[in-house]
Structure formats: structure tokens, C-alpha cells
Amino acid sequence: MVAPTSPDNRTAGRPYASRLWAAGCATAAVAALIALAGAAVSQAVFDVPLLAADIAGLGWSTTATVAGGAALIALVLTGVLHALLAAVPRPVAYFEWIVALVGVVLVFVPFAYDAPRGSQVATSVVSGLVMVAIGSLLGTQGALIDRGRARASG
């Protein structure tokens, strides 16, 4: 078994950006796949389409819009976590609150639209699942990075 090595002088004190962004890209893929699966189950099993806004008249399908939005949210939250790791004490605590509040907004926004109740509920459930995945995956990575930084500096 190989013992873990401490970071070299070039990375000491900085968040491990390459690891964080690799995790962020992987999280974006997972979030998009959850959205795709949610859209497929919603449509195929329950015959209920998800809600999605037309993005700047691009004419994307609802499924592509929901999956792209999930991936985009994961990448934006990766940037937020990166900034928090660089700037604040206890960055993961702040990140968890931000993810929770974004999640609450995304879960309740579908009910603001004049749409069938089934579509509102399905969109809300898929949004909630996406946010749980993003929060757990990026939160875990942020905690690992924060612990590694603390060990390297102390």
C-alpha cells in the first residue's frame, strides 16, 4: 500500500483546483444524467413531461434544457465552492447552505408556472434529486480539499 504524499510547495495553501474542477465536471455529468433519467421516467412511466423554459429561443427540447441546466448549475456551484475554499473559514458549511437554498428555490419554482400539477411535481422532484447529488458530491470533495489544506499548512 502506498502512503499518501503531502502536496508540494507549489500547491500548499491553495485549493486543489484541478481536483476540484475534475470533481465538478464529473458532478455536472451525474447531474445531467439524473435529469435525463428523471425526464425519461416522468414521460415514459407517468406520461408527464417536465417543465423547462425556452432558453433564448434556441428551440432545445425540454429534456436537453433540463439536462443542460443541471450540468450548468453543477459547474456554477463548483466555481462557488472554489471561491469559498480560497476565501472563507469553514467553506463547506457556507457551501452547504448555498446549495440548500438554491435547492429550495429550484424545488418550488415549478409551482409558480401555470402548468399541469403533474408536470410541476415531476419537475420539482427531479430538481430536488439533482441538487441532492450536486450538494453531496461537491460537498464531499470540498471537505476533502479543506482537510488536505489544513493538514498541509499545519
N, C-alpha and C. Protein backbone atom coordinates (compact mmCIF):
# COMPACT_ATOMS: atom_id res chain seq x y z
N MET A 1 0.84 -1.17 0.00
CA MET A 1 0.00 0.00 0.00
C MET A 1 0.89 1.24 0.00
N VAL A 2 0.51 2.21 -0.81
CA VAL A 2 1.29 3.43 -0.92
C VAL A 2 0.72 4.48 0.02
N ALA A 3 1.58 5.07 0.81
CA ALA A 3 1.15 6.11 1.74
C ALA A 3 0.87 7.39 0.97
N PRO A 4 -0.17 8.12 1.38
CA PRO A 4 -0.45 9.39 0.70
C PRO A 4 0.69 10.37 0.91
N THR A 5 0.94 11.15 -0.10
CA THR A 5 2.00 12.14 0.00
C THR A 5 1.40 13.51 0.25
N SER A 6 2.18 14.35 0.88
CA SER A 6 1.70 15.72 1.11
C SER A 6 1.93 16.52 -0.16
N PRO A 7 1.16 17.58 -0.35
CA PRO A 7 1.33 18.39 -1.55
C PRO A 7 2.69 19.07 -1.56
N ASP A 8 3.20 19.33 -2.75
CA ASP A 8 4.47 20.03 -2.83
C ASP A 8 4.27 21.53 -2.57
N ASN A 9 5.35 22.27 -2.60
CA ASN A 9 5.28 23.70 -2.27
C ASN A 9 4.42 24.50 -3.25
N ARG A 10 4.30 24.04 -4.48
CA ARG A 10 3.51 24.80 -5.46
C ARG A 10 2.03 24.79 -5.13
N THR A 11 1.52 23.78 -4.46
CA THR A 11 0.08 23.71 -4.17
C THR A 11 -0.25 23.94 -2.71
N ALA A 12 0.74 24.05 -1.85
CA ALA A 12 0.46 24.24 -0.43
C ALA A 12 -0.27 25.57 -0.22
N GLY A 13 -1.35 25.53 0.55
CA GLY A 13 -2.08 26.74 0.85
C GLY A 13 -3.15 27.11 -0.18
N ARG A 14 -3.16 26.48 -1.33
CA ARG A 14 -4.17 26.78 -2.35
C ARG A 14 -5.15 25.63 -2.42
N PRO A 15 -6.41 25.94 -2.80
CA PRO A 15 -7.31 24.81 -3.01
C PRO A 15 -6.78 23.99 -4.19
N TYR A 16 -7.03 22.73 -4.14
CA TYR A 16 -6.54 21.86 -5.20
C TYR A 16 -7.47 21.99 -6.39
N ALA A 17 -7.22 23.04 -7.18
CA ALA A 17 -8.13 23.43 -8.25
C ALA A 17 -8.36 22.33 -9.28
N SER A 18 -7.32 21.65 -9.67
CA SER A 18 -7.51 20.62 -10.70
C SER A 18 -8.40 19.49 -10.20
N ARG A 19 -8.21 19.08 -8.96
CA ARG A 19 -9.06 18.03 -8.37
C ARG A 19 -10.49 18.51 -8.21
N LEU A 20 -10.64 19.75 -7.76
CA LEU A 20 -11.98 20.31 -7.57
C LEU A 20 -12.73 20.40 -8.89
N TRP A 21 -12.07 20.91 -9.92
CA TRP A 21 -12.77 21.09 -11.20
C TRP A 21 -13.00 19.75 -11.90
N ALA A 22 -12.13 18.77 -11.68
CA ALA A 22 -12.41 17.43 -12.21
C ALA A 22 -13.65 16.86 -11.53
N ALA A 23 -13.74 17.06 -10.22
CA ALA A 23 -14.94 16.61 -9.49
C ALA A 23 -16.16 17.39 -9.95
N GLY A 24 -15.99 18.68 -10.22
CA GLY A 24 -17.10 19.49 -10.71
C GLY A 24 -17.61 19.03 -12.06
N CYS A 25 -16.70 18.67 -12.95
CA CYS A 25 -17.10 18.15 -14.27
C CYS A 25 -17.80 16.81 -14.13
N ALA A 26 -17.27 15.95 -13.27
CA ALA A 26 -17.92 14.66 -13.03
C ALA A 26 -19.30 14.87 -12.41
N THR A 27 -19.41 15.81 -11.50
CA THR A 27 -20.70 16.12 -10.87
C THR A 27 -21.68 16.66 -11.91
N ALA A 28 -21.21 17.48 -12.83
CA ALA A 28 -22.06 18.01 -13.90
C ALA A 28 -22.61 16.86 -14.75
N ALA A 29 -21.76 15.89 -15.04
CA ALA A 29 -22.22 14.73 -15.82
C ALA A 29 -23.27 13.93 -15.04
N VAL A 30 -23.04 13.71 -13.76
CA VAL A 30 -24.00 12.99 -12.93
C VAL A 30 -25.32 13.75 -12.86
N ALA A 31 -25.25 15.07 -12.66
CA ALA A 31 -26.46 15.89 -12.58
C ALA A 31 -27.25 15.82 -13.89
N ALA A 32 -26.56 15.90 -15.01
CA ALA A 32 -27.24 15.82 -16.31
C ALA A 32 -27.88 14.45 -16.50
N LEU A 33 -27.19 13.40 -16.08
CA LEU A 33 -27.75 12.04 -16.21
C LEU A 33 -28.96 11.85 -15.31
N ILE A 34 -28.93 12.43 -14.11
CA ILE A 34 -30.10 12.35 -13.23
C ILE A 34 -31.27 13.06 -13.88
N ALA A 35 -31.02 14.23 -14.47
CA ALA A 35 -32.09 14.96 -15.15
C ALA A 35 -32.63 14.18 -16.34
N LEU A 36 -31.74 13.56 -17.11
CA LEU A 36 -32.18 12.73 -18.24
C LEU A 36 -33.02 11.56 -17.77
N ALA A 37 -32.55 10.89 -16.72
CA ALA A 37 -33.30 9.75 -16.19
C ALA A 37 -34.64 10.20 -15.64
N GLY A 38 -34.66 11.32 -14.94
CA GLY A 38 -35.91 11.85 -14.40
C GLY A 38 -36.90 12.21 -15.49
N ALA A 39 -36.40 12.83 -16.56
CA ALA A 39 -37.27 13.18 -17.68
C ALA A 39 -37.81 11.92 -18.35
N ALA A 40 -36.97 10.91 -18.50
CA ALA A 40 -37.39 9.67 -19.15
C ALA A 40 -38.44 8.94 -18.31
N VAL A 41 -38.19 8.83 -17.01
CA VAL A 41 -39.13 8.14 -16.12
C VAL A 41 -40.45 8.91 -16.07
N SER A 42 -40.34 10.20 -15.95
CA SER A 42 -41.55 11.03 -15.87
C SER A 42 -42.41 10.87 -17.12
N GLN A 43 -41.77 10.88 -18.28
CA GLN A 43 -42.52 10.79 -19.53
C GLN A 43 -42.98 9.36 -19.81
N ALA A 44 -42.09 8.40 -19.66
CA ALA A 44 -42.40 7.02 -20.04
C ALA A 44 -43.33 6.32 -19.05
N VAL A 45 -43.10 6.50 -17.77
CA VAL A 45 -43.87 5.78 -16.77
C VAL A 45 -45.15 6.52 -16.40
N PHE A 46 -45.03 7.83 -16.20
CA PHE A 46 -46.18 8.59 -15.71
C PHE A 46 -46.87 9.42 -16.79
N ASP A 47 -46.27 9.46 -18.00
CA ASP A 47 -46.79 10.25 -19.12
C ASP A 47 -46.96 11.72 -18.72
N VAL A 48 -45.96 12.22 -18.00
CA VAL A 48 -45.96 13.61 -17.53
C VAL A 48 -44.66 14.26 -17.98
N PRO A 49 -44.72 15.30 -18.80
CA PRO A 49 -43.49 15.98 -19.22
C PRO A 49 -42.97 16.92 -18.12
N LEU A 50 -41.66 17.09 -18.09
CA LEU A 50 -41.08 18.07 -17.18
C LEU A 50 -41.27 19.47 -17.76
N LEU A 51 -41.21 20.47 -16.90
CA LEU A 51 -41.28 21.86 -17.34
C LEU A 51 -39.87 22.35 -17.64
N ALA A 52 -39.74 23.17 -18.66
CA ALA A 52 -38.45 23.81 -18.95
C ALA A 52 -38.72 25.08 -19.73
N ALA A 53 -37.99 26.11 -19.40
CA ALA A 53 -38.13 27.39 -20.10
C ALA A 53 -37.39 27.33 -21.43
N ASP A 54 -37.91 28.03 -22.41
CA ASP A 54 -37.23 28.13 -23.70
C ASP A 54 -36.04 29.08 -23.50
N ILE A 55 -34.83 28.56 -23.70
CA ILE A 55 -33.64 29.36 -23.44
C ILE A 55 -33.31 30.20 -24.67
N ALA A 56 -33.57 31.47 -24.57
CA ALA A 56 -33.24 32.45 -25.61
C ALA A 56 -33.69 32.02 -26.99
N GLY A 57 -34.80 31.33 -27.07
CA GLY A 57 -35.35 30.93 -28.36
C GLY A 57 -34.51 29.90 -29.11
N LEU A 58 -33.70 29.12 -28.39
CA LEU A 58 -32.84 28.14 -29.05
C LEU A 58 -33.62 26.93 -29.57
N GLY A 59 -34.81 26.73 -29.05
CA GLY A 59 -35.61 25.60 -29.51
C GLY A 59 -35.14 24.25 -28.99
N TRP A 60 -34.43 24.24 -27.89
CA TRP A 60 -34.00 22.97 -27.30
C TRP A 60 -35.21 22.20 -26.81
N SER A 61 -35.08 20.89 -26.77
CA SER A 61 -36.13 20.07 -26.20
C SER A 61 -36.12 20.26 -24.68
N THR A 62 -37.22 19.91 -24.06
CA THR A 62 -37.31 20.01 -22.60
C THR A 62 -36.23 19.17 -21.94
N THR A 63 -36.01 17.98 -22.46
CA THR A 63 -35.01 17.08 -21.86
C THR A 63 -33.61 17.69 -21.95
N ALA A 64 -33.26 18.23 -23.11
CA ALA A 64 -31.94 18.84 -23.27
C ALA A 64 -31.79 20.07 -22.38
N THR A 65 -32.86 20.85 -22.26
CA THR A 65 -32.82 22.04 -21.42
C THR A 65 -32.62 21.67 -19.95
N VAL A 66 -33.36 20.67 -19.48
CA VAL A 66 -33.25 20.25 -18.08
C VAL A 66 -31.87 19.65 -17.80
N ALA A 67 -31.37 18.81 -18.70
CA ALA A 67 -30.05 18.20 -18.51
C ALA A 67 -28.95 19.26 -18.58
N GLY A 68 -29.04 20.15 -19.55
CA GLY A 68 -28.05 21.22 -19.67
C GLY A 68 -28.08 22.15 -18.47
N GLY A 69 -29.28 22.45 -17.99
CA GLY A 69 -29.41 23.30 -16.80
C GLY A 69 -28.80 22.65 -15.58
N ALA A 70 -29.01 21.34 -15.42
CA ALA A 70 -28.44 20.62 -14.28
C ALA A 70 -26.92 20.66 -14.32
N ALA A 71 -26.36 20.42 -15.51
CA ALA A 71 -24.90 20.45 -15.65
C ALA A 71 -24.36 21.86 -15.39
N LEU A 72 -25.05 22.86 -15.89
CA LEU A 72 -24.62 24.24 -15.69
C LEU A 72 -24.65 24.63 -14.21
N ILE A 73 -25.70 24.22 -13.52
CA ILE A 73 -25.79 24.51 -12.08
C ILE A 73 -24.62 23.85 -11.33
N ALA A 74 -24.28 22.62 -11.70
CA ALA A 74 -23.16 21.93 -11.05
C ALA A 74 -21.85 22.69 -11.29
N LEU A 75 -21.64 23.18 -12.50
CA LEU A 75 -20.41 23.91 -12.79
C LEU A 75 -20.37 25.27 -12.09
N VAL A 76 -21.49 25.95 -12.04
CA VAL A 76 -21.55 27.23 -11.32
C VAL A 76 -21.27 27.01 -9.83
N LEU A 77 -21.86 25.97 -9.26
CA LEU A 77 -21.63 25.69 -7.84
C LEU A 77 -20.20 25.23 -7.58
N THR A 78 -19.55 24.62 -8.57
CA THR A 78 -18.13 24.30 -8.43
C THR A 78 -17.32 25.58 -8.32
N GLY A 79 -17.66 26.57 -9.13
CA GLY A 79 -17.00 27.87 -9.04
C GLY A 79 -17.23 28.54 -7.69
N VAL A 80 -18.46 28.43 -7.19
CA VAL A 80 -18.77 28.99 -5.87
C VAL A 80 -17.92 28.30 -4.79
N LEU A 81 -17.85 26.97 -4.86
CA LEU A 81 -17.04 26.23 -3.88
C LEU A 81 -15.57 26.61 -3.98
N HIS A 82 -15.08 26.78 -5.18
CA HIS A 82 -13.69 27.18 -5.39
C HIS A 82 -13.43 28.53 -4.71
N ALA A 83 -14.33 29.48 -4.92
CA ALA A 83 -14.18 30.80 -4.29
C ALA A 83 -14.25 30.70 -2.77
N LEU A 84 -15.16 29.89 -2.26
CA LEU A 84 -15.28 29.74 -0.81
C LEU A 84 -14.03 29.10 -0.22
N LEU A 85 -13.48 28.10 -0.89
CA LEU A 85 -12.27 27.44 -0.40
C LEU A 85 -11.10 28.42 -0.33
N ALA A 86 -11.09 29.37 -1.24
CA ALA A 86 -9.99 30.34 -1.28
C ALA A 86 -10.19 31.50 -0.31
N ALA A 87 -11.42 31.74 0.15
CA ALA A 87 -11.66 33.00 0.83
C ALA A 87 -12.21 32.94 2.25
N VAL A 88 -12.89 31.88 2.63
CA VAL A 88 -13.59 31.93 3.92
C VAL A 88 -13.19 30.76 4.82
N PRO A 89 -13.29 30.97 6.14
CA PRO A 89 -13.12 29.83 7.05
C PRO A 89 -14.36 28.95 6.97
N ARG A 90 -14.21 27.68 7.18
CA ARG A 90 -15.30 26.71 7.11
C ARG A 90 -16.08 26.81 5.80
N PRO A 91 -15.41 26.70 4.67
CA PRO A 91 -16.06 26.90 3.38
C PRO A 91 -17.17 25.90 3.09
N VAL A 92 -17.05 24.69 3.57
CA VAL A 92 -18.06 23.67 3.28
C VAL A 92 -19.38 23.99 3.96
N ALA A 93 -19.33 24.58 5.13
CA ALA A 93 -20.58 24.97 5.82
C ALA A 93 -21.33 26.01 5.00
N TYR A 94 -20.62 27.01 4.50
CA TYR A 94 -21.25 28.02 3.65
C TYR A 94 -21.79 27.40 2.36
N PHE A 95 -20.99 26.50 1.79
CA PHE A 95 -21.39 25.85 0.55
C PHE A 95 -22.67 25.04 0.74
N GLU A 96 -22.75 24.31 1.84
CA GLU A 96 -23.96 23.51 2.10
C GLU A 96 -25.19 24.39 2.21
N TRP A 97 -25.06 25.55 2.85
CA TRP A 97 -26.19 26.47 2.95
C TRP A 97 -26.58 27.01 1.58
N ILE A 98 -25.59 27.36 0.78
CA ILE A 98 -25.88 27.88 -0.56
C ILE A 98 -26.60 26.83 -1.39
N VAL A 99 -26.11 25.60 -1.37
CA VAL A 99 -26.75 24.52 -2.13
C VAL A 99 -28.17 24.28 -1.63
N ALA A 100 -28.37 24.28 -0.33
CA ALA A 100 -29.70 24.05 0.23
C ALA A 100 -30.68 25.15 -0.22
N LEU A 101 -30.23 26.39 -0.18
CA LEU A 101 -31.12 27.48 -0.56
C LEU A 101 -31.41 27.50 -2.06
N VAL A 102 -30.41 27.20 -2.88
CA VAL A 102 -30.65 27.07 -4.33
C VAL A 102 -31.61 25.92 -4.58
N GLY A 103 -31.42 24.83 -3.85
CA GLY A 103 -32.32 23.68 -3.98
C GLY A 103 -33.76 24.02 -3.63
N VAL A 104 -33.95 24.76 -2.56
CA VAL A 104 -35.31 25.17 -2.17
C VAL A 104 -35.96 25.99 -3.29
N VAL A 105 -35.21 26.92 -3.83
CA VAL A 105 -35.74 27.73 -4.93
C VAL A 105 -36.11 26.86 -6.12
N LEU A 106 -35.21 25.97 -6.51
CA LEU A 106 -35.47 25.12 -7.68
C LEU A 106 -36.61 24.15 -7.47
N VAL A 107 -36.83 23.72 -6.24
CA VAL A 107 -37.93 22.80 -5.95
C VAL A 107 -39.28 23.52 -6.01
N PHE A 108 -39.31 24.79 -5.61
CA PHE A 108 -40.59 25.49 -5.57
C PHE A 108 -40.90 26.33 -6.81
N VAL A 109 -39.91 26.64 -7.63
CA VAL A 109 -40.15 27.44 -8.84
C VAL A 109 -41.18 26.81 -9.79
N PRO A 110 -41.19 25.50 -9.99
CA PRO A 110 -42.17 24.93 -10.93
C PRO A 110 -43.63 25.26 -10.56
N PHE A 111 -43.89 25.48 -9.29
CA PHE A 111 -45.25 25.76 -8.86
C PHE A 111 -45.67 27.20 -9.14
N ALA A 112 -44.74 28.03 -9.59
CA ALA A 112 -45.05 29.40 -9.96
C ALA A 112 -45.58 29.49 -11.39
N TYR A 113 -45.43 28.42 -12.17
CA TYR A 113 -45.88 28.41 -13.56
C TYR A 113 -47.29 27.85 -13.66
N ASP A 114 -48.01 28.38 -14.62
CA ASP A 114 -49.35 27.86 -14.91
C ASP A 114 -49.17 26.62 -15.78
N ALA A 115 -49.10 25.48 -15.14
CA ALA A 115 -48.85 24.21 -15.82
C ALA A 115 -49.60 23.12 -15.08
N PRO A 116 -49.76 21.97 -15.71
CA PRO A 116 -50.43 20.85 -15.03
C PRO A 116 -49.68 20.46 -13.75
N ARG A 117 -50.42 20.12 -12.72
CA ARG A 117 -49.84 19.79 -11.42
C ARG A 117 -48.83 18.64 -11.53
N GLY A 118 -49.11 17.65 -12.36
CA GLY A 118 -48.18 16.53 -12.52
C GLY A 118 -46.82 16.98 -13.03
N SER A 119 -46.81 17.89 -13.98
CA SER A 119 -45.55 18.41 -14.50
C SER A 119 -44.81 19.22 -13.45
N GLN A 120 -45.56 19.97 -12.67
CA GLN A 120 -44.94 20.74 -11.60
C GLN A 120 -44.27 19.83 -10.57
N VAL A 121 -44.97 18.80 -10.16
CA VAL A 121 -44.44 17.87 -9.16
C VAL A 121 -43.24 17.11 -9.72
N ALA A 122 -43.35 16.61 -10.94
CA ALA A 122 -42.25 15.85 -11.54
C ALA A 122 -41.00 16.72 -11.67
N THR A 123 -41.17 17.95 -12.11
CA THR A 123 -40.03 18.86 -12.25
C THR A 123 -39.42 19.17 -10.89
N SER A 124 -40.25 19.35 -9.90
CA SER A 124 -39.79 19.63 -8.54
C SER A 124 -38.98 18.45 -8.00
N VAL A 125 -39.47 17.25 -8.19
CA VAL A 125 -38.77 16.05 -7.69
C VAL A 125 -37.41 15.89 -8.39
N VAL A 126 -37.39 16.05 -9.71
CA VAL A 126 -36.13 15.91 -10.44
C VAL A 126 -35.15 17.00 -10.01
N SER A 127 -35.62 18.22 -9.84
CA SER A 127 -34.75 19.31 -9.39
C SER A 127 -34.18 19.01 -8.00
N GLY A 128 -35.00 18.50 -7.12
CA GLY A 128 -34.52 18.14 -5.79
C GLY A 128 -33.46 17.06 -5.82
N LEU A 129 -33.67 16.04 -6.63
CA LEU A 129 -32.68 14.96 -6.75
C LEU A 129 -31.37 15.48 -7.32
N VAL A 130 -31.45 16.34 -8.31
CA VAL A 130 -30.24 16.92 -8.90
C VAL A 130 -29.47 17.71 -7.84
N MET A 131 -30.17 18.51 -7.05
CA MET A 131 -29.50 19.32 -6.04
C MET A 131 -28.91 18.48 -4.91
N VAL A 132 -29.57 17.40 -4.54
CA VAL A 132 -29.01 16.49 -3.52
C VAL A 132 -27.71 15.88 -4.04
N ALA A 133 -27.70 15.46 -5.30
CA ALA A 133 -26.49 14.87 -5.88
C ALA A 133 -25.37 15.90 -5.94
N ILE A 134 -25.67 17.08 -6.42
CA ILE A 134 -24.64 18.12 -6.53
C ILE A 134 -24.09 18.46 -5.14
N GLY A 135 -24.98 18.67 -4.19
CA GLY A 135 -24.55 19.02 -2.84
C GLY A 135 -23.70 17.95 -2.19
N SER A 136 -24.11 16.70 -2.34
CA SER A 136 -23.35 15.63 -1.68
C SER A 136 -22.00 15.39 -2.37
N LEU A 137 -21.98 15.39 -3.69
CA LEU A 137 -20.73 15.12 -4.39
C LEU A 137 -19.72 16.26 -4.22
N LEU A 138 -20.16 17.49 -4.46
CA LEU A 138 -19.23 18.62 -4.32
C LEU A 138 -18.91 18.91 -2.85
N GLY A 139 -19.88 18.73 -1.97
CA GLY A 139 -19.62 18.95 -0.55
C GLY A 139 -18.56 18.01 -0.01
N THR A 140 -18.63 16.75 -0.43
CA THR A 140 -17.62 15.77 -0.01
C THR A 140 -16.25 16.15 -0.54
N GLN A 141 -16.20 16.54 -1.81
CA GLN A 141 -14.91 16.94 -2.40
C GLN A 141 -14.36 18.18 -1.71
N GLY A 142 -15.23 19.14 -1.42
CA GLY A 142 -14.78 20.34 -0.71
C GLY A 142 -14.23 20.02 0.66
N ALA A 143 -14.89 19.11 1.38
CA ALA A 143 -14.41 18.72 2.71
C ALA A 143 -13.05 18.05 2.62
N LEU A 144 -12.85 17.20 1.63
CA LEU A 144 -11.56 16.53 1.45
C LEU A 144 -10.46 17.55 1.15
N ILE A 145 -10.77 18.49 0.29
CA ILE A 145 -9.78 19.52 -0.06
C ILE A 145 -9.47 20.38 1.16
N ASP A 146 -10.49 20.77 1.89
CA ASP A 146 -10.29 21.63 3.05
C ASP A 146 -9.44 20.92 4.11
N ARG A 147 -9.72 19.62 4.34
CA ARG A 147 -8.91 18.85 5.30
C ARG A 147 -7.47 18.72 4.82
N GLY A 148 -7.28 18.50 3.53
CA GLY A 148 -5.93 18.39 2.97
C GLY A 148 -5.16 19.68 3.11
N ARG A 149 -5.84 20.80 2.91
CA ARG A 149 -5.18 22.10 3.08
C ARG A 149 -4.79 22.33 4.52
N ALA A 150 -5.68 21.96 5.44
CA ALA A 150 -5.39 22.15 6.87
C ALA A 150 -4.20 21.31 7.29
N ARG A 151 -4.12 20.08 6.79
CA ARG A 151 -3.00 19.21 7.12
C ARG A 151 -1.71 19.75 6.53
N ALA A 152 -1.78 20.28 5.30
CA ALA A 152 -0.57 20.77 4.63
C ALA A 152 -0.03 22.03 5.29
N SER A 153 -0.93 22.87 5.83
CA SER A 153 -0.46 24.12 6.43
C SER A 153 -0.13 23.97 7.91
N GLY A 154 -0.64 22.92 8.54
CA GLY A 154 -0.43 22.81 9.98
C GLY A 154 0.48 21.73 10.30
